[in-house]
């Protein structure tokens, strides 16, 4: 029994050490990548493709839907209603820190990379990179990457200039870009957009942190 206990204790210790090292590797890689990412983000911001380009109201709407505590947290948020377990920074880390992200153990490295991004980059830089790398779903001519790119592709203008309802549909597809079809008569997209509209109007609240589908705002 004592040998079994020692074996189990050693196994747990090795697991903890392994996960810590894996998370730390993500953190260190983000630090290593930071100079290149800073320069890339600054080019996007200079080209008016960052968060400020949305205008204050629409920027706040995006945060309310995607990551309400983005400007306050350090890369992790496990408590804000509707935010889910993946922050904007972690979402970006999934695309920048992996050639092919795999859920599960990959979450540890993803979080480490996100913490590294938060240390080295400003919130404005993180937001610009996130907007630029977002998978937005299928447009008229194929798959589209980039929030501003999808706005131009489907609605013919920048996110700050399109109609209010059109902007809400851009926010709606972010949760599952392969599920919704912008610019079409998509009932599922309409329902998701209506939930977001009610959330932004203060008519409802999400059912806790995990309610990313806004069941608390269903009709």
N, C-alpha and C. Protein backbone atom coordinates (compact mmCIF):
# COMPACT_ATOMS: atom_id res chain seq x y z
N UNK A 1 0.82 -1.20 0.00
CA UNK A 1 0.00 0.00 0.00
C UNK A 1 0.87 1.26 0.00
N UNK A 2 1.94 1.22 0.80
CA UNK A 2 2.83 2.39 0.87
C UNK A 2 3.49 2.63 -0.48
N UNK A 3 3.89 1.55 -1.17
CA UNK A 3 4.52 1.70 -2.48
C UNK A 3 3.52 2.29 -3.49
N UNK A 4 2.28 1.84 -3.39
CA UNK A 4 1.25 2.34 -4.29
C UNK A 4 1.03 3.84 -4.05
N UNK A 5 1.00 4.23 -2.77
CA UNK A 5 0.81 5.64 -2.43
C UNK A 5 1.96 6.48 -2.98
N UNK A 6 3.20 5.99 -2.84
CA UNK A 6 4.36 6.72 -3.35
C UNK A 6 4.30 6.84 -4.87
N UNK A 7 3.87 5.75 -5.50
CA UNK A 7 3.76 5.77 -6.96
C UNK A 7 2.74 6.81 -7.42
N UNK A 8 1.58 6.82 -6.75
CA UNK A 8 0.52 7.78 -7.12
C UNK A 8 0.97 9.21 -6.86
N UNK A 9 1.66 9.40 -5.72
CA UNK A 9 2.14 10.75 -5.39
C UNK A 9 3.16 11.22 -6.41
N UNK A 10 4.04 10.33 -6.81
CA UNK A 10 5.05 10.68 -7.81
C UNK A 10 4.40 10.98 -9.16
N UNK A 11 3.37 10.22 -9.50
CA UNK A 11 2.67 10.42 -10.77
C UNK A 11 1.99 11.79 -10.80
N UNK A 12 1.34 12.13 -9.67
CA UNK A 12 0.68 13.43 -9.59
C UNK A 12 1.69 14.55 -9.68
N UNK A 13 2.80 14.39 -9.01
CA UNK A 13 3.85 15.41 -9.05
C UNK A 13 4.39 15.60 -10.46
N UNK A 14 4.64 14.48 -11.16
CA UNK A 14 5.13 14.57 -12.53
C UNK A 14 4.11 15.26 -13.43
N UNK A 15 2.83 14.97 -13.21
CA UNK A 15 1.77 15.59 -14.00
C UNK A 15 1.75 17.10 -13.77
N UNK A 16 1.87 17.49 -12.50
CA UNK A 16 1.86 18.92 -12.18
C UNK A 16 3.07 19.63 -12.77
N UNK A 17 4.22 18.98 -12.68
CA UNK A 17 5.43 19.57 -13.25
C UNK A 17 5.31 19.69 -14.77
N UNK A 18 4.78 18.64 -15.38
CA UNK A 18 4.63 18.64 -16.84
C UNK A 18 3.70 19.72 -17.33
N UNK A 19 2.56 19.88 -16.66
CA UNK A 19 1.61 20.90 -17.08
C UNK A 19 2.17 22.30 -16.84
N UNK A 20 2.90 22.46 -15.74
CA UNK A 20 3.51 23.76 -15.47
C UNK A 20 4.53 24.12 -16.54
N UNK A 21 5.36 23.15 -16.90
CA UNK A 21 6.36 23.38 -17.93
C UNK A 21 5.70 23.69 -19.27
N UNK A 22 4.63 22.97 -19.58
CA UNK A 22 3.91 23.19 -20.85
C UNK A 22 3.31 24.59 -20.89
N UNK A 23 2.71 25.01 -19.78
CA UNK A 23 2.17 26.37 -19.71
C UNK A 23 3.26 27.41 -19.80
N UNK A 24 4.38 27.16 -19.14
CA UNK A 24 5.50 28.10 -19.17
C UNK A 24 6.09 28.22 -20.57
N UNK A 25 6.07 27.13 -21.32
CA UNK A 25 6.61 27.20 -22.69
C UNK A 25 5.77 28.15 -23.54
N UNK A 26 4.45 28.13 -23.33
CA UNK A 26 3.60 29.07 -24.04
C UNK A 26 3.89 30.51 -23.66
N UNK A 27 4.08 30.73 -22.37
CA UNK A 27 4.39 32.07 -21.87
C UNK A 27 5.70 32.58 -22.48
N UNK A 28 6.73 31.75 -22.46
CA UNK A 28 8.03 32.16 -22.98
C UNK A 28 8.00 32.37 -24.49
N UNK A 29 7.22 31.56 -25.18
CA UNK A 29 7.10 31.75 -26.63
C UNK A 29 6.42 33.08 -26.96
N UNK A 30 5.42 33.45 -26.16
CA UNK A 30 4.76 34.74 -26.37
C UNK A 30 5.74 35.89 -26.15
N UNK A 31 6.56 35.77 -25.13
CA UNK A 31 7.58 36.79 -24.88
C UNK A 31 8.53 36.89 -26.08
N UNK A 32 8.94 35.73 -26.59
CA UNK A 32 9.85 35.69 -27.73
C UNK A 32 9.22 36.29 -28.98
N UNK A 33 7.92 36.07 -29.16
CA UNK A 33 7.21 36.55 -30.35
C UNK A 33 6.79 38.01 -30.25
N UNK A 34 6.92 38.60 -29.07
CA UNK A 34 6.25 39.87 -28.78
C UNK A 34 6.70 41.03 -29.68
N UNK A 35 7.97 41.13 -29.99
CA UNK A 35 8.45 42.25 -30.80
C UNK A 35 7.81 42.24 -32.19
N UNK A 36 7.79 41.08 -32.79
CA UNK A 36 7.16 40.95 -34.10
C UNK A 36 5.66 41.24 -34.02
N UNK A 37 5.03 40.75 -32.97
CA UNK A 37 3.59 40.97 -32.81
C UNK A 37 3.28 42.44 -32.53
N UNK A 38 4.11 43.09 -31.75
CA UNK A 38 3.93 44.53 -31.50
C UNK A 38 3.96 45.31 -32.81
N UNK A 39 4.95 45.02 -33.63
CA UNK A 39 5.09 45.73 -34.90
C UNK A 39 3.88 45.47 -35.80
N UNK A 40 3.43 44.23 -35.83
CA UNK A 40 2.26 43.89 -36.64
C UNK A 40 1.02 44.61 -36.14
N UNK A 41 0.84 44.63 -34.84
CA UNK A 41 -0.32 45.31 -34.25
C UNK A 41 -0.29 46.80 -34.52
N UNK A 42 0.88 47.39 -34.40
CA UNK A 42 1.00 48.83 -34.62
C UNK A 42 0.69 49.20 -36.07
N UNK A 43 1.05 48.31 -37.00
CA UNK A 43 0.71 48.57 -38.41
C UNK A 43 -0.81 48.52 -38.61
N UNK A 44 -1.47 47.59 -37.96
CA UNK A 44 -2.92 47.49 -38.05
C UNK A 44 -3.59 48.73 -37.47
N UNK A 45 -3.11 49.16 -36.32
CA UNK A 45 -3.69 50.34 -35.67
C UNK A 45 -3.48 51.58 -36.55
N UNK A 46 -2.29 51.71 -37.13
CA UNK A 46 -2.00 52.85 -38.00
C UNK A 46 -2.89 52.84 -39.25
N UNK A 47 -3.30 51.64 -39.67
CA UNK A 47 -4.17 51.50 -40.84
C UNK A 47 -5.64 51.60 -40.46
N UNK A 48 -5.93 51.98 -39.22
CA UNK A 48 -7.29 52.13 -38.71
C UNK A 48 -8.05 50.80 -38.72
N UNK A 49 -7.34 49.75 -38.30
CA UNK A 49 -7.94 48.42 -38.25
C UNK A 49 -7.93 47.86 -36.83
N UNK A 50 -7.79 48.73 -35.84
CA UNK A 50 -7.82 48.30 -34.46
C UNK A 50 -9.18 48.51 -33.83
N UNK A 51 -9.25 48.36 -32.51
CA UNK A 51 -10.51 48.51 -31.82
C UNK A 51 -11.07 49.92 -31.90
N UNK A 52 -10.20 50.93 -31.90
CA UNK A 52 -10.66 52.32 -31.94
C UNK A 52 -11.40 52.63 -33.23
N UNK A 53 -11.11 51.89 -34.29
CA UNK A 53 -11.75 52.15 -35.58
C UNK A 53 -13.25 51.82 -35.56
N UNK A 54 -13.68 51.06 -34.57
CA UNK A 54 -15.09 50.70 -34.46
C UNK A 54 -15.94 51.85 -33.93
N UNK A 55 -15.28 52.82 -33.31
CA UNK A 55 -16.02 53.86 -32.59
C UNK A 55 -16.29 53.36 -31.18
N UNK A 56 -16.38 54.27 -30.24
CA UNK A 56 -16.50 53.88 -28.83
C UNK A 56 -17.71 53.00 -28.56
N UNK A 57 -18.88 53.39 -29.09
CA UNK A 57 -20.10 52.62 -28.79
C UNK A 57 -20.02 51.20 -29.31
N UNK A 58 -19.58 51.04 -30.53
CA UNK A 58 -19.52 49.69 -31.12
C UNK A 58 -18.38 48.87 -30.51
N UNK A 59 -17.32 49.54 -30.11
CA UNK A 59 -16.26 48.83 -29.40
C UNK A 59 -16.80 48.27 -28.09
N UNK A 60 -17.55 49.08 -27.35
CA UNK A 60 -18.14 48.62 -26.09
C UNK A 60 -19.14 47.51 -26.32
N UNK A 61 -19.88 47.57 -27.39
CA UNK A 61 -20.83 46.49 -27.70
C UNK A 61 -20.09 45.18 -27.94
N UNK A 62 -19.00 45.25 -28.67
CA UNK A 62 -18.20 44.05 -28.92
C UNK A 62 -17.71 43.44 -27.61
N UNK A 63 -17.20 44.29 -26.72
CA UNK A 63 -16.70 43.78 -25.44
C UNK A 63 -17.84 43.17 -24.62
N UNK A 64 -18.99 43.79 -24.62
CA UNK A 64 -20.13 43.27 -23.85
C UNK A 64 -20.48 41.86 -24.28
N UNK A 65 -20.40 41.60 -25.57
CA UNK A 65 -20.74 40.29 -26.11
C UNK A 65 -19.60 39.29 -25.92
N UNK A 66 -18.37 39.71 -26.19
CA UNK A 66 -17.26 38.78 -26.25
C UNK A 66 -16.47 38.62 -24.95
N UNK A 67 -16.19 39.74 -24.28
CA UNK A 67 -15.27 39.69 -23.15
C UNK A 67 -15.44 40.96 -22.32
N UNK A 68 -16.50 41.05 -21.51
CA UNK A 68 -16.82 42.29 -20.81
C UNK A 68 -15.70 42.83 -19.93
N UNK A 69 -14.87 41.96 -19.39
CA UNK A 69 -13.81 42.40 -18.48
C UNK A 69 -12.46 42.51 -19.17
N UNK A 70 -12.45 42.55 -20.50
CA UNK A 70 -11.20 42.54 -21.26
C UNK A 70 -10.20 43.59 -20.79
N UNK A 71 -10.66 44.78 -20.57
CA UNK A 71 -9.75 45.86 -20.23
C UNK A 71 -9.25 45.79 -18.79
N UNK A 72 -9.85 44.92 -17.98
CA UNK A 72 -9.47 44.83 -16.56
C UNK A 72 -8.69 43.56 -16.23
N UNK A 73 -8.96 42.45 -16.92
CA UNK A 73 -8.31 41.20 -16.54
C UNK A 73 -6.91 41.09 -17.15
N UNK A 74 -6.16 40.13 -16.66
CA UNK A 74 -4.80 39.90 -17.13
C UNK A 74 -4.67 38.76 -18.09
N UNK A 75 -5.78 38.39 -18.74
CA UNK A 75 -5.75 37.32 -19.72
C UNK A 75 -6.67 36.16 -19.37
N UNK A 76 -7.13 36.13 -18.12
CA UNK A 76 -8.00 35.05 -17.65
C UNK A 76 -9.22 35.66 -16.96
N UNK A 77 -10.40 35.11 -17.24
CA UNK A 77 -11.63 35.55 -16.57
C UNK A 77 -12.56 34.36 -16.47
N UNK A 78 -12.79 33.89 -15.27
CA UNK A 78 -13.63 32.71 -15.05
C UNK A 78 -14.93 33.04 -14.35
N UNK A 79 -15.28 34.33 -14.26
CA UNK A 79 -16.44 34.67 -13.45
C UNK A 79 -17.45 35.59 -14.12
N UNK A 80 -17.05 36.42 -15.07
CA UNK A 80 -17.98 37.39 -15.65
C UNK A 80 -19.09 36.69 -16.42
N UNK A 81 -20.36 37.02 -16.15
CA UNK A 81 -21.48 36.38 -16.85
C UNK A 81 -21.38 36.54 -18.36
N UNK A 82 -21.54 35.42 -19.06
CA UNK A 82 -21.55 35.44 -20.52
C UNK A 82 -20.19 35.42 -21.17
N UNK A 83 -19.12 35.58 -20.39
CA UNK A 83 -17.79 35.68 -20.97
C UNK A 83 -17.24 34.32 -21.43
N UNK A 84 -17.64 33.25 -20.75
CA UNK A 84 -17.07 31.95 -21.05
C UNK A 84 -15.67 31.81 -20.50
N UNK A 85 -15.04 30.69 -20.74
CA UNK A 85 -13.72 30.43 -20.16
C UNK A 85 -12.58 30.89 -21.08
N UNK A 86 -12.92 31.41 -22.26
CA UNK A 86 -11.88 31.87 -23.20
C UNK A 86 -12.00 33.37 -23.41
N UNK A 87 -11.01 34.11 -22.94
CA UNK A 87 -11.00 35.55 -23.11
C UNK A 87 -10.54 35.90 -24.53
N UNK A 88 -10.65 37.18 -24.87
CA UNK A 88 -10.14 37.64 -26.16
C UNK A 88 -8.66 37.31 -26.29
N UNK A 89 -7.91 37.51 -25.23
CA UNK A 89 -6.47 37.24 -25.28
C UNK A 89 -6.19 35.76 -25.47
N UNK A 90 -6.95 34.90 -24.80
CA UNK A 90 -6.77 33.46 -24.98
C UNK A 90 -7.19 33.03 -26.38
N UNK A 91 -8.24 33.64 -26.90
CA UNK A 91 -8.67 33.37 -28.27
C UNK A 91 -7.57 33.71 -29.26
N UNK A 92 -6.94 34.86 -29.06
CA UNK A 92 -5.83 35.25 -29.92
C UNK A 92 -4.66 34.28 -29.77
N UNK A 93 -4.37 33.88 -28.53
CA UNK A 93 -3.27 32.95 -28.27
C UNK A 93 -3.48 31.63 -29.00
N UNK A 94 -4.70 31.20 -29.12
CA UNK A 94 -5.01 29.94 -29.81
C UNK A 94 -4.58 30.01 -31.28
N UNK A 95 -4.67 31.18 -31.87
CA UNK A 95 -4.31 31.32 -33.28
C UNK A 95 -2.83 31.65 -33.48
N UNK A 96 -2.25 32.38 -32.55
CA UNK A 96 -0.85 32.79 -32.71
C UNK A 96 0.14 31.77 -32.14
N UNK A 97 -0.27 31.05 -31.11
CA UNK A 97 0.66 30.18 -30.40
C UNK A 97 0.66 28.74 -30.84
N UNK A 98 -0.15 28.38 -31.84
CA UNK A 98 -0.26 26.99 -32.26
C UNK A 98 -0.31 26.90 -33.78
N UNK A 99 0.29 25.88 -34.32
CA UNK A 99 0.08 25.57 -35.73
C UNK A 99 -1.27 24.89 -35.91
N UNK A 100 -1.64 24.07 -34.94
CA UNK A 100 -2.92 23.38 -34.98
C UNK A 100 -3.39 23.16 -33.54
N UNK A 101 -4.26 24.04 -33.06
CA UNK A 101 -4.70 23.98 -31.67
C UNK A 101 -5.59 22.76 -31.44
N UNK A 102 -5.31 22.04 -30.35
CA UNK A 102 -6.12 20.89 -29.94
C UNK A 102 -6.68 21.16 -28.55
N UNK A 103 -8.00 21.14 -28.38
CA UNK A 103 -8.57 21.38 -27.06
C UNK A 103 -8.07 20.35 -26.04
N UNK A 104 -8.26 20.68 -24.78
CA UNK A 104 -7.79 19.79 -23.72
C UNK A 104 -6.49 20.30 -23.16
N UNK A 105 -5.43 19.51 -23.30
CA UNK A 105 -4.13 19.88 -22.77
C UNK A 105 -3.62 21.17 -23.41
N UNK A 106 -4.06 21.44 -24.64
CA UNK A 106 -3.64 22.66 -25.32
C UNK A 106 -4.07 23.92 -24.60
N UNK A 107 -5.12 23.83 -23.78
CA UNK A 107 -5.60 24.99 -23.03
C UNK A 107 -4.52 25.52 -22.09
N UNK A 108 -3.67 24.64 -21.60
CA UNK A 108 -2.62 25.06 -20.66
C UNK A 108 -1.61 25.95 -21.37
N UNK A 109 -1.14 25.51 -22.53
CA UNK A 109 -0.21 26.33 -23.30
C UNK A 109 -0.89 27.62 -23.78
N UNK A 110 -2.14 27.49 -24.19
CA UNK A 110 -2.91 28.66 -24.64
C UNK A 110 -2.96 29.73 -23.56
N UNK A 111 -3.21 29.32 -22.33
CA UNK A 111 -3.28 30.26 -21.22
C UNK A 111 -1.91 30.88 -20.94
N UNK A 112 -0.86 30.06 -20.99
CA UNK A 112 0.49 30.59 -20.80
C UNK A 112 0.83 31.62 -21.86
N UNK A 113 0.49 31.33 -23.10
CA UNK A 113 0.76 32.27 -24.19
C UNK A 113 -0.03 33.56 -23.99
N UNK A 114 -1.28 33.43 -23.55
CA UNK A 114 -2.11 34.61 -23.30
C UNK A 114 -1.51 35.49 -22.21
N UNK A 115 -1.02 34.87 -21.16
CA UNK A 115 -0.39 35.64 -20.08
C UNK A 115 0.85 36.38 -20.58
N UNK A 116 1.60 35.73 -21.47
CA UNK A 116 2.76 36.39 -22.06
C UNK A 116 2.36 37.58 -22.93
N UNK A 117 1.28 37.42 -23.70
CA UNK A 117 0.79 38.53 -24.51
C UNK A 117 0.37 39.70 -23.64
N UNK A 118 -0.31 39.38 -22.55
CA UNK A 118 -0.78 40.44 -21.66
C UNK A 118 0.40 41.19 -21.02
N UNK A 119 1.48 40.50 -20.80
CA UNK A 119 2.65 41.16 -20.21
C UNK A 119 3.33 42.10 -21.20
N UNK A 120 3.44 41.67 -22.46
CA UNK A 120 4.27 42.38 -23.43
C UNK A 120 3.51 43.37 -24.32
N UNK A 121 2.24 43.12 -24.55
CA UNK A 121 1.46 43.95 -25.47
C UNK A 121 0.43 44.79 -24.72
N UNK A 122 0.04 45.90 -25.32
CA UNK A 122 -1.05 46.70 -24.75
C UNK A 122 -2.38 46.06 -25.13
N UNK A 123 -3.43 46.48 -24.44
CA UNK A 123 -4.76 45.98 -24.78
C UNK A 123 -5.13 46.38 -26.21
N UNK A 124 -4.75 47.58 -26.62
CA UNK A 124 -5.05 48.02 -27.98
C UNK A 124 -4.37 47.14 -29.01
N UNK A 125 -3.13 46.73 -28.73
CA UNK A 125 -2.40 45.85 -29.65
C UNK A 125 -3.02 44.46 -29.70
N UNK A 126 -3.40 43.95 -28.54
CA UNK A 126 -4.05 42.63 -28.50
C UNK A 126 -5.36 42.67 -29.28
N UNK A 127 -6.14 43.72 -29.09
CA UNK A 127 -7.42 43.84 -29.79
C UNK A 127 -7.22 43.91 -31.30
N UNK A 128 -6.24 44.69 -31.74
CA UNK A 128 -6.00 44.81 -33.18
C UNK A 128 -5.64 43.46 -33.80
N UNK A 129 -4.78 42.71 -33.13
CA UNK A 129 -4.39 41.39 -33.63
C UNK A 129 -5.57 40.43 -33.62
N UNK A 130 -6.38 40.51 -32.58
CA UNK A 130 -7.55 39.64 -32.48
C UNK A 130 -8.53 39.91 -33.61
N UNK A 131 -8.84 41.17 -33.84
CA UNK A 131 -9.76 41.53 -34.92
C UNK A 131 -9.23 41.07 -36.27
N UNK A 132 -7.94 41.18 -36.47
CA UNK A 132 -7.33 40.84 -37.75
C UNK A 132 -7.31 39.35 -38.02
N UNK A 133 -7.27 38.54 -36.96
CA UNK A 133 -7.12 37.09 -37.12
C UNK A 133 -8.41 36.32 -36.91
N UNK A 134 -9.50 37.00 -36.64
CA UNK A 134 -10.78 36.32 -36.38
C UNK A 134 -11.26 35.53 -37.59
N UNK A 135 -11.70 34.32 -37.33
CA UNK A 135 -12.36 33.53 -38.36
C UNK A 135 -13.82 33.99 -38.41
N UNK A 136 -14.26 34.49 -39.56
CA UNK A 136 -15.57 35.14 -39.66
C UNK A 136 -16.59 34.33 -40.45
N UNK A 137 -16.20 33.20 -40.97
CA UNK A 137 -17.16 32.39 -41.69
C UNK A 137 -17.07 32.59 -43.20
N UNK A 138 -18.10 32.14 -43.89
CA UNK A 138 -18.09 32.15 -45.35
C UNK A 138 -18.76 33.39 -45.90
N UNK A 139 -18.05 34.08 -46.77
CA UNK A 139 -18.60 35.20 -47.50
C UNK A 139 -19.02 34.77 -48.89
N UNK A 140 -19.38 35.72 -49.76
CA UNK A 140 -19.83 35.37 -51.11
C UNK A 140 -18.79 34.61 -51.93
N UNK A 141 -17.52 34.84 -51.65
CA UNK A 141 -16.46 34.21 -52.46
C UNK A 141 -15.59 33.25 -51.67
N UNK A 142 -16.07 32.80 -50.51
CA UNK A 142 -15.30 31.85 -49.73
C UNK A 142 -15.06 32.31 -48.31
N UNK A 143 -14.25 31.55 -47.59
CA UNK A 143 -13.99 31.80 -46.18
C UNK A 143 -13.27 33.13 -45.99
N UNK A 144 -13.67 33.85 -44.93
CA UNK A 144 -13.10 35.17 -44.66
C UNK A 144 -12.46 35.20 -43.28
N UNK A 145 -11.27 35.75 -43.20
CA UNK A 145 -10.58 35.98 -41.94
C UNK A 145 -10.44 37.48 -41.73
N UNK A 146 -10.79 37.94 -40.53
CA UNK A 146 -10.65 39.35 -40.21
C UNK A 146 -12.00 40.05 -40.08
N UNK A 147 -12.21 40.73 -38.96
CA UNK A 147 -13.47 41.40 -38.67
C UNK A 147 -13.76 42.50 -39.69
N UNK A 148 -12.78 43.35 -39.94
CA UNK A 148 -12.96 44.43 -40.91
C UNK A 148 -13.14 43.88 -42.33
N UNK A 149 -12.40 42.83 -42.64
CA UNK A 149 -12.49 42.24 -43.96
C UNK A 149 -13.90 41.70 -44.22
N UNK A 150 -14.50 41.06 -43.22
CA UNK A 150 -15.84 40.52 -43.41
C UNK A 150 -16.86 41.64 -43.57
N UNK A 151 -16.70 42.71 -42.81
CA UNK A 151 -17.60 43.85 -42.94
C UNK A 151 -17.56 44.40 -44.37
N UNK A 152 -16.37 44.57 -44.90
CA UNK A 152 -16.22 45.08 -46.26
C UNK A 152 -16.76 44.08 -47.29
N UNK A 153 -16.49 42.80 -47.06
CA UNK A 153 -16.88 41.77 -48.02
C UNK A 153 -18.39 41.63 -48.13
N UNK A 154 -19.08 41.59 -46.99
CA UNK A 154 -20.51 41.32 -46.99
C UNK A 154 -21.34 42.60 -47.08
N UNK A 155 -20.90 43.64 -46.36
CA UNK A 155 -21.72 44.85 -46.28
C UNK A 155 -21.14 46.04 -47.03
N UNK A 156 -19.96 45.89 -47.60
CA UNK A 156 -19.42 46.91 -48.46
C UNK A 156 -18.87 48.14 -47.78
N UNK A 157 -18.64 48.07 -46.47
CA UNK A 157 -18.11 49.23 -45.76
C UNK A 157 -17.45 48.78 -44.46
N UNK A 158 -16.85 49.73 -43.77
CA UNK A 158 -16.14 49.45 -42.52
C UNK A 158 -17.13 49.22 -41.37
N UNK A 159 -16.70 48.55 -40.31
CA UNK A 159 -17.63 48.23 -39.21
C UNK A 159 -18.27 49.44 -38.55
N UNK A 160 -17.60 50.58 -38.58
CA UNK A 160 -18.17 51.77 -37.95
C UNK A 160 -19.20 52.46 -38.83
N UNK A 161 -19.26 52.08 -40.12
CA UNK A 161 -20.13 52.77 -41.07
C UNK A 161 -21.35 51.96 -41.50
N UNK A 162 -21.36 50.66 -41.23
CA UNK A 162 -22.51 49.85 -41.64
C UNK A 162 -23.70 50.08 -40.70
N UNK A 163 -24.86 49.59 -41.09
CA UNK A 163 -26.06 49.74 -40.28
C UNK A 163 -25.91 49.02 -38.94
N UNK A 164 -26.65 49.50 -37.94
CA UNK A 164 -26.55 48.93 -36.60
C UNK A 164 -26.86 47.45 -36.59
N UNK A 165 -27.91 47.03 -37.28
CA UNK A 165 -28.27 45.61 -37.31
C UNK A 165 -27.21 44.79 -38.03
N UNK A 166 -26.60 45.36 -39.05
CA UNK A 166 -25.54 44.65 -39.75
C UNK A 166 -24.34 44.43 -38.83
N UNK A 167 -24.04 45.43 -38.03
CA UNK A 167 -22.93 45.29 -37.09
C UNK A 167 -23.21 44.19 -36.07
N UNK A 168 -24.45 44.12 -35.60
CA UNK A 168 -24.79 43.08 -34.62
C UNK A 168 -24.65 41.69 -35.21
N UNK A 169 -24.89 41.55 -36.51
CA UNK A 169 -24.71 40.23 -37.12
C UNK A 169 -23.23 39.85 -37.17
N UNK A 170 -22.35 40.85 -37.34
CA UNK A 170 -20.92 40.56 -37.28
C UNK A 170 -20.55 40.02 -35.90
N UNK A 171 -21.11 40.63 -34.86
CA UNK A 171 -20.86 40.14 -33.50
C UNK A 171 -21.45 38.75 -33.32
N UNK A 172 -22.57 38.50 -33.93
CA UNK A 172 -23.28 37.24 -33.74
C UNK A 172 -22.50 36.04 -34.26
N UNK A 173 -21.79 36.20 -35.38
CA UNK A 173 -21.13 35.04 -35.98
C UNK A 173 -19.86 34.63 -35.25
N UNK A 174 -19.34 35.49 -34.37
CA UNK A 174 -18.05 35.23 -33.75
C UNK A 174 -18.02 33.94 -32.95
N UNK A 175 -19.14 33.57 -32.35
CA UNK A 175 -19.16 32.39 -31.49
C UNK A 175 -19.04 31.10 -32.29
N UNK A 176 -19.52 31.10 -33.53
CA UNK A 176 -19.49 29.88 -34.36
C UNK A 176 -19.53 30.27 -35.82
N UNK A 177 -18.42 30.74 -36.38
CA UNK A 177 -18.43 31.26 -37.75
C UNK A 177 -18.84 30.26 -38.81
N UNK A 178 -18.66 28.98 -38.54
CA UNK A 178 -19.07 27.99 -39.51
C UNK A 178 -20.55 27.67 -39.48
N UNK A 179 -21.22 28.18 -38.46
CA UNK A 179 -22.63 27.85 -38.27
C UNK A 179 -23.57 28.86 -38.93
N UNK A 180 -23.14 30.12 -38.98
CA UNK A 180 -24.01 31.18 -39.46
C UNK A 180 -23.58 31.66 -40.84
N UNK A 181 -24.54 32.23 -41.60
CA UNK A 181 -24.26 32.71 -42.94
C UNK A 181 -24.67 34.18 -43.03
N UNK A 182 -23.66 35.06 -42.99
CA UNK A 182 -23.92 36.49 -43.10
C UNK A 182 -24.46 36.83 -44.49
N UNK A 183 -25.32 37.85 -44.52
CA UNK A 183 -25.85 38.33 -45.79
C UNK A 183 -26.91 37.43 -46.38
N UNK A 184 -27.45 36.49 -45.59
CA UNK A 184 -28.51 35.60 -46.06
C UNK A 184 -29.66 35.61 -45.06
N UNK A 185 -30.75 35.00 -45.45
CA UNK A 185 -31.91 34.89 -44.56
C UNK A 185 -31.71 33.66 -43.67
N UNK A 186 -30.87 33.82 -42.65
CA UNK A 186 -30.46 32.74 -41.77
C UNK A 186 -31.21 32.86 -40.44
N UNK A 187 -32.13 31.94 -40.18
CA UNK A 187 -32.94 32.02 -38.97
C UNK A 187 -32.10 31.90 -37.70
N UNK A 188 -31.10 31.03 -37.72
CA UNK A 188 -30.24 30.86 -36.55
C UNK A 188 -29.46 32.14 -36.27
N UNK A 189 -28.97 32.78 -37.33
CA UNK A 189 -28.25 34.04 -37.17
C UNK A 189 -29.18 35.12 -36.63
N UNK A 190 -30.41 35.14 -37.11
CA UNK A 190 -31.37 36.13 -36.64
C UNK A 190 -31.66 35.96 -35.15
N UNK A 191 -31.78 34.72 -34.70
CA UNK A 191 -32.04 34.46 -33.28
C UNK A 191 -30.85 34.88 -32.43
N UNK A 192 -29.64 34.55 -32.88
CA UNK A 192 -28.44 34.96 -32.15
C UNK A 192 -28.33 36.49 -32.09
N UNK A 193 -28.62 37.15 -33.19
CA UNK A 193 -28.56 38.61 -33.24
C UNK A 193 -29.60 39.23 -32.31
N UNK A 194 -30.78 38.65 -32.26
CA UNK A 194 -31.82 39.17 -31.36
C UNK A 194 -31.41 39.03 -29.90
N UNK A 195 -30.74 37.96 -29.56
CA UNK A 195 -30.27 37.79 -28.18
C UNK A 195 -29.23 38.86 -27.84
N UNK A 196 -28.36 39.13 -28.77
CA UNK A 196 -27.35 40.17 -28.55
C UNK A 196 -28.01 41.53 -28.41
N UNK A 197 -29.01 41.79 -29.23
CA UNK A 197 -29.73 43.07 -29.15
C UNK A 197 -30.36 43.25 -27.78
N UNK A 198 -30.97 42.19 -27.25
CA UNK A 198 -31.58 42.28 -25.92
C UNK A 198 -30.53 42.47 -24.83
N UNK A 199 -29.39 41.80 -24.98
CA UNK A 199 -28.30 41.95 -24.02
C UNK A 199 -27.81 43.40 -23.98
N UNK A 200 -27.57 43.97 -25.16
CA UNK A 200 -27.03 45.32 -25.24
C UNK A 200 -28.04 46.36 -24.75
N UNK A 201 -29.32 46.04 -24.88
CA UNK A 201 -30.36 46.96 -24.43
C UNK A 201 -30.60 46.86 -22.92
N UNK A 202 -29.92 45.92 -22.27
CA UNK A 202 -30.10 45.74 -20.83
C UNK A 202 -31.38 45.03 -20.46
N UNK A 203 -31.97 44.30 -21.42
CA UNK A 203 -33.24 43.62 -21.18
C UNK A 203 -33.05 42.22 -20.60
N UNK A 204 -31.80 41.76 -20.53
CA UNK A 204 -31.54 40.41 -20.03
C UNK A 204 -30.09 40.32 -19.56
N UNK A 205 -29.79 39.23 -18.88
CA UNK A 205 -28.42 38.96 -18.45
C UNK A 205 -28.11 37.48 -18.72
N UNK A 206 -26.87 37.16 -19.02
CA UNK A 206 -26.50 35.76 -19.23
C UNK A 206 -26.67 34.95 -17.95
N UNK A 207 -26.88 33.65 -18.13
CA UNK A 207 -27.03 32.74 -16.99
C UNK A 207 -25.67 32.26 -16.49
N UNK A 208 -24.86 33.17 -16.01
CA UNK A 208 -23.56 32.81 -15.47
C UNK A 208 -22.45 32.90 -16.50
N UNK A 209 -21.24 32.60 -16.06
CA UNK A 209 -20.05 32.75 -16.90
C UNK A 209 -20.10 31.88 -18.16
N UNK A 210 -20.66 30.70 -18.07
CA UNK A 210 -20.62 29.76 -19.18
C UNK A 210 -21.69 30.01 -20.24
N UNK A 211 -22.56 30.98 -20.02
CA UNK A 211 -23.68 31.20 -20.95
C UNK A 211 -23.25 32.04 -22.15
N UNK A 212 -22.33 31.51 -22.94
CA UNK A 212 -21.85 32.23 -24.12
C UNK A 212 -22.88 32.25 -25.23
N UNK A 213 -23.85 31.33 -25.18
CA UNK A 213 -24.90 31.32 -26.20
C UNK A 213 -26.05 32.25 -25.82
N UNK A 214 -25.92 32.90 -24.66
CA UNK A 214 -26.91 33.88 -24.18
C UNK A 214 -28.31 33.27 -24.05
N UNK A 215 -28.36 32.10 -23.42
CA UNK A 215 -29.65 31.49 -23.15
C UNK A 215 -30.49 32.38 -22.24
N UNK A 216 -29.83 33.17 -21.42
CA UNK A 216 -30.55 34.10 -20.55
C UNK A 216 -31.22 35.22 -21.31
N UNK A 217 -30.93 35.33 -22.59
CA UNK A 217 -31.51 36.37 -23.44
C UNK A 217 -32.40 35.80 -24.54
N UNK A 218 -32.74 34.53 -24.42
CA UNK A 218 -33.60 33.91 -25.44
C UNK A 218 -35.01 34.46 -25.33
N UNK A 219 -35.72 34.44 -26.43
CA UNK A 219 -37.07 35.00 -26.45
C UNK A 219 -38.07 34.04 -25.81
